[in-house]
N, C-alpha and C. Protein backbone atom coordinates (compact mmCIF):
# COMPACT_ATOMS: atom_id res chain seq x y z
N UNK A 1 48.00 -14.38 -17.61
CA UNK A 1 48.11 -13.81 -15.94
C UNK A 1 49.00 -14.62 -15.67
N UNK A 2 49.20 -13.79 -14.28
CA UNK A 2 50.08 -13.51 -13.28
C UNK A 2 49.13 -14.08 -12.48
N UNK A 3 49.36 -15.38 -12.03
CA UNK A 3 48.64 -15.58 -10.34
C UNK A 3 49.57 -14.71 -9.04
N UNK A 4 48.63 -13.84 -8.64
CA UNK A 4 49.95 -13.33 -7.44
C UNK A 4 49.21 -13.15 -6.14
N UNK A 5 49.25 -12.92 -5.06
CA UNK A 5 48.16 -13.05 -3.36
C UNK A 5 49.13 -12.65 -3.07
N UNK A 6 48.22 -11.22 -2.20
CA UNK A 6 48.88 -10.52 -1.57
C UNK A 6 50.02 -10.55 -0.65
N UNK A 7 49.57 -12.29 -0.24
CA UNK A 7 50.33 -12.94 0.51
C UNK A 7 51.93 -12.87 0.29
N UNK A 8 52.40 -12.83 -1.11
CA UNK A 8 53.82 -13.21 -1.75
C UNK A 8 54.55 -12.18 -1.10
N UNK A 9 54.48 -10.92 -0.65
CA UNK A 9 54.83 -10.00 -0.32
C UNK A 9 55.26 -10.29 1.16
N UNK A 10 54.56 -10.52 2.18
CA UNK A 10 54.81 -10.93 3.29
C UNK A 10 55.67 -12.22 4.05
N UNK A 11 56.59 -11.81 4.32
CA UNK A 11 57.61 -12.40 5.20
C UNK A 11 56.85 -13.88 6.08
N UNK A 12 57.66 -14.91 6.32
CA UNK A 12 56.85 -15.92 7.38
C UNK A 12 58.33 -15.30 8.51
N UNK A 13 56.85 -14.87 9.88
CA UNK A 13 57.73 -14.96 10.39
C UNK A 13 58.58 -16.31 11.14
N UNK A 14 59.45 -15.77 12.42
CA UNK A 14 59.65 -16.91 12.86
C UNK A 14 58.77 -17.36 14.33
N UNK A 15 57.99 -15.81 14.98
CA UNK A 15 57.04 -16.21 15.99
C UNK A 15 55.97 -15.03 15.13
N UNK A 16 54.89 -15.54 15.87
CA UNK A 16 53.81 -14.29 16.00
C UNK A 16 53.42 -13.96 14.69
N UNK A 17 52.88 -12.90 14.14
CA UNK A 17 52.41 -12.85 12.69
C UNK A 17 52.96 -11.36 11.91
N UNK A 18 52.97 -11.47 10.90
CA UNK A 18 53.66 -10.56 10.02
C UNK A 18 52.50 -9.59 9.33
N UNK A 19 51.59 -8.89 9.45
CA UNK A 19 50.39 -8.29 8.49
C UNK A 19 51.05 -7.24 7.64
N UNK A 20 50.13 -6.85 6.76
CA UNK A 20 50.41 -5.35 6.12
C UNK A 20 48.83 -5.45 5.38
N UNK A 21 48.28 -3.75 6.43
CA UNK A 21 47.27 -3.53 6.58
C UNK A 21 46.67 -3.70 4.83
N UNK A 22 45.91 -3.58 4.24
CA UNK A 22 45.11 -3.14 3.01
C UNK A 22 44.59 -2.24 2.46
N UNK A 23 43.68 -1.38 3.34
CA UNK A 23 44.39 -0.05 3.12
C UNK A 23 44.02 0.57 4.86
N UNK A 24 43.90 2.07 4.28
CA UNK A 24 44.26 3.23 5.50
C UNK A 24 42.73 3.95 5.49
N UNK A 25 42.00 3.36 4.12
CA UNK A 25 41.07 3.67 4.08
C UNK A 25 39.37 3.71 4.40
N UNK A 26 39.67 2.33 4.87
CA UNK A 26 38.45 1.41 5.52
C UNK A 26 37.68 1.71 6.96
N UNK A 27 36.84 1.45 6.88
CA UNK A 27 35.89 2.28 8.29
C UNK A 27 35.76 0.86 9.35
N UNK A 28 36.69 -0.32 9.06
CA UNK A 28 37.03 -1.57 9.66
C UNK A 28 38.64 -2.08 8.89
N UNK A 29 39.48 -1.70 10.05
CA UNK A 29 40.99 -2.45 9.27
C UNK A 29 41.49 -3.70 9.14
N UNK A 30 41.64 -3.86 8.07
CA UNK A 30 41.75 -5.52 7.83
C UNK A 30 42.90 -5.63 7.64
N UNK A 31 43.86 -6.40 7.87
CA UNK A 31 45.14 -6.80 7.37
C UNK A 31 45.59 -8.37 6.38
N UNK A 32 46.18 -8.46 5.46
CA UNK A 32 46.31 -9.87 5.27
C UNK A 32 47.35 -10.05 5.74
N UNK A 33 47.50 -11.60 6.46
CA UNK A 33 48.82 -11.65 7.51
C UNK A 33 49.16 -12.86 7.09
N UNK A 34 50.74 -13.52 7.57
CA UNK A 34 50.78 -14.82 7.30
C UNK A 34 51.55 -15.16 8.80
N UNK A 35 51.19 -16.29 9.38
CA UNK A 35 52.23 -16.81 11.12
C UNK A 35 52.91 -17.55 10.61
N UNK A 36 53.22 -17.96 12.08
CA UNK A 36 54.88 -18.96 11.88
C UNK A 36 55.15 -19.80 11.14
N UNK A 37 53.62 -20.70 10.77
CA UNK A 37 53.49 -21.66 9.99
C UNK A 37 53.27 -21.81 8.30
N UNK A 38 53.40 -19.98 8.03
CA UNK A 38 53.40 -20.09 6.85
C UNK A 38 52.20 -19.66 6.54
N UNK A 39 50.69 -20.24 7.27
CA UNK A 39 49.15 -19.94 6.75
C UNK A 39 48.99 -18.40 6.44
N UNK A 40 48.43 -17.87 5.81
CA UNK A 40 48.18 -17.11 5.00
C UNK A 40 46.66 -16.67 6.08
N UNK A 41 46.66 -15.98 6.66
CA UNK A 41 45.62 -15.60 7.24
C UNK A 41 45.01 -13.99 7.17
N UNK A 42 43.75 -13.37 7.33
CA UNK A 42 42.88 -12.19 6.94
C UNK A 42 42.74 -12.02 8.43
N UNK A 43 42.84 -10.84 8.83
CA UNK A 43 42.96 -10.39 9.66
C UNK A 43 41.49 -9.21 9.76
N UNK A 44 40.35 -9.25 10.14
CA UNK A 44 39.44 -7.28 10.61
C UNK A 44 39.61 -7.67 12.23
N UNK A 45 39.90 -6.19 12.67
CA UNK A 45 40.15 -5.71 13.82
C UNK A 45 38.81 -5.16 13.97
N UNK A 46 38.48 -5.61 14.89
CA UNK A 46 36.91 -4.74 15.33
C UNK A 46 37.20 -4.36 16.78
N UNK A 47 36.66 -3.20 17.64
CA UNK A 47 36.67 -2.65 18.69
C UNK A 47 36.17 -3.45 19.77
N UNK A 48 36.50 -3.84 20.93
CA UNK A 48 35.72 -4.71 21.59
C UNK A 48 35.56 -5.64 21.80
N UNK A 49 34.92 -6.59 22.76
CA UNK A 49 34.35 -7.79 22.91
C UNK A 49 33.68 -8.09 22.05
N UNK A 50 34.04 -9.03 21.37
CA UNK A 50 33.11 -9.78 20.48
C UNK A 50 33.02 -11.95 20.56
N UNK A 51 33.34 -11.99 21.31
CA UNK A 51 33.92 -13.05 21.54
C UNK A 51 32.54 -14.25 21.55
N UNK A 52 31.36 -13.77 22.58
CA UNK A 52 29.74 -14.35 22.94
C UNK A 52 29.64 -14.09 21.45
N UNK A 53 29.46 -13.18 20.43
CA UNK A 53 28.41 -12.62 19.09
C UNK A 53 29.30 -13.94 18.10
N UNK A 54 30.49 -14.00 18.32
CA UNK A 54 31.46 -15.54 17.82
C UNK A 54 30.50 -16.29 17.62
N UNK A 55 30.63 -16.51 19.01
CA UNK A 55 29.86 -18.17 19.06
C UNK A 55 29.36 -18.40 19.12
N UNK A 56 27.85 -17.18 18.72
CA UNK A 56 26.84 -17.42 19.22
C UNK A 56 26.36 -17.77 17.17
N UNK A 57 27.15 -16.87 16.71
CA UNK A 57 26.76 -16.98 15.03
C UNK A 57 27.64 -17.88 14.47
N UNK A 58 28.52 -18.33 15.03
CA UNK A 58 29.46 -19.46 14.64
C UNK A 58 28.99 -19.58 13.14
N UNK A 59 29.47 -19.98 11.98
CA UNK A 59 29.84 -20.18 10.62
C UNK A 59 30.42 -21.23 10.37
N UNK A 60 30.45 -22.59 9.43
CA UNK A 60 31.04 -23.43 9.04
C UNK A 60 31.33 -22.83 7.45
N UNK A 61 32.51 -22.56 7.32
CA UNK A 61 32.96 -22.14 5.83
C UNK A 61 33.96 -23.26 4.86
N UNK A 62 33.59 -24.07 4.44
CA UNK A 62 34.35 -24.58 3.39
C UNK A 62 35.72 -24.17 2.72
N UNK A 63 36.70 -24.22 3.21
CA UNK A 63 38.10 -23.46 2.35
C UNK A 63 38.79 -22.46 3.09
N UNK A 64 37.75 -22.28 4.75
CA UNK A 64 38.07 -21.21 5.60
C UNK A 64 37.69 -21.63 6.90
N UNK A 65 39.50 -21.41 7.71
CA UNK A 65 39.38 -22.45 9.16
C UNK A 65 39.13 -20.85 10.40
N UNK A 66 38.12 -21.06 10.62
CA UNK A 66 37.70 -20.05 11.94
C UNK A 66 38.79 -20.58 13.10
N UNK A 67 39.95 -20.13 13.46
CA UNK A 67 40.68 -20.42 14.13
C UNK A 67 40.48 -19.65 15.82
N UNK A 68 39.61 -18.92 16.11
CA UNK A 68 39.49 -18.55 17.12
C UNK A 68 39.72 -17.19 16.61
N UNK A 69 40.08 -15.96 17.67
CA UNK A 69 39.93 -14.70 18.08
C UNK A 69 40.92 -13.96 18.78
N UNK A 70 42.14 -13.90 18.32
CA UNK A 70 43.13 -13.00 18.45
C UNK A 70 43.52 -11.90 19.04
N UNK A 71 44.36 -11.22 20.10
CA UNK A 71 43.88 -10.24 20.68
C UNK A 71 45.44 -9.31 19.64
N UNK A 72 45.46 -8.73 18.95
CA UNK A 72 46.68 -8.45 18.43
C UNK A 72 47.24 -6.75 19.46
N UNK A 73 46.26 -6.53 19.91
CA UNK A 73 46.69 -5.25 20.83
C UNK A 73 47.70 -5.53 22.64
N UNK A 74 47.57 -6.93 22.01
CA UNK A 74 48.58 -6.94 23.61
C UNK A 74 49.82 -7.52 22.91
């Protein structure tokens, strides 16, 4: 069995993020991404400002770090 991940094909950028959309056929756009430190990211693009809801319903999950909300549109 070959161990591969979707992040293997995404280059590490010098700044910001490099992203790859998972599928154009999803209701909510989702992306695999890498940041300039080489971290592997999973990005869900939601319309509107969900900051208050995110902070209210924050759940800690071991092995996954939620580092905040990033606006990719800017």
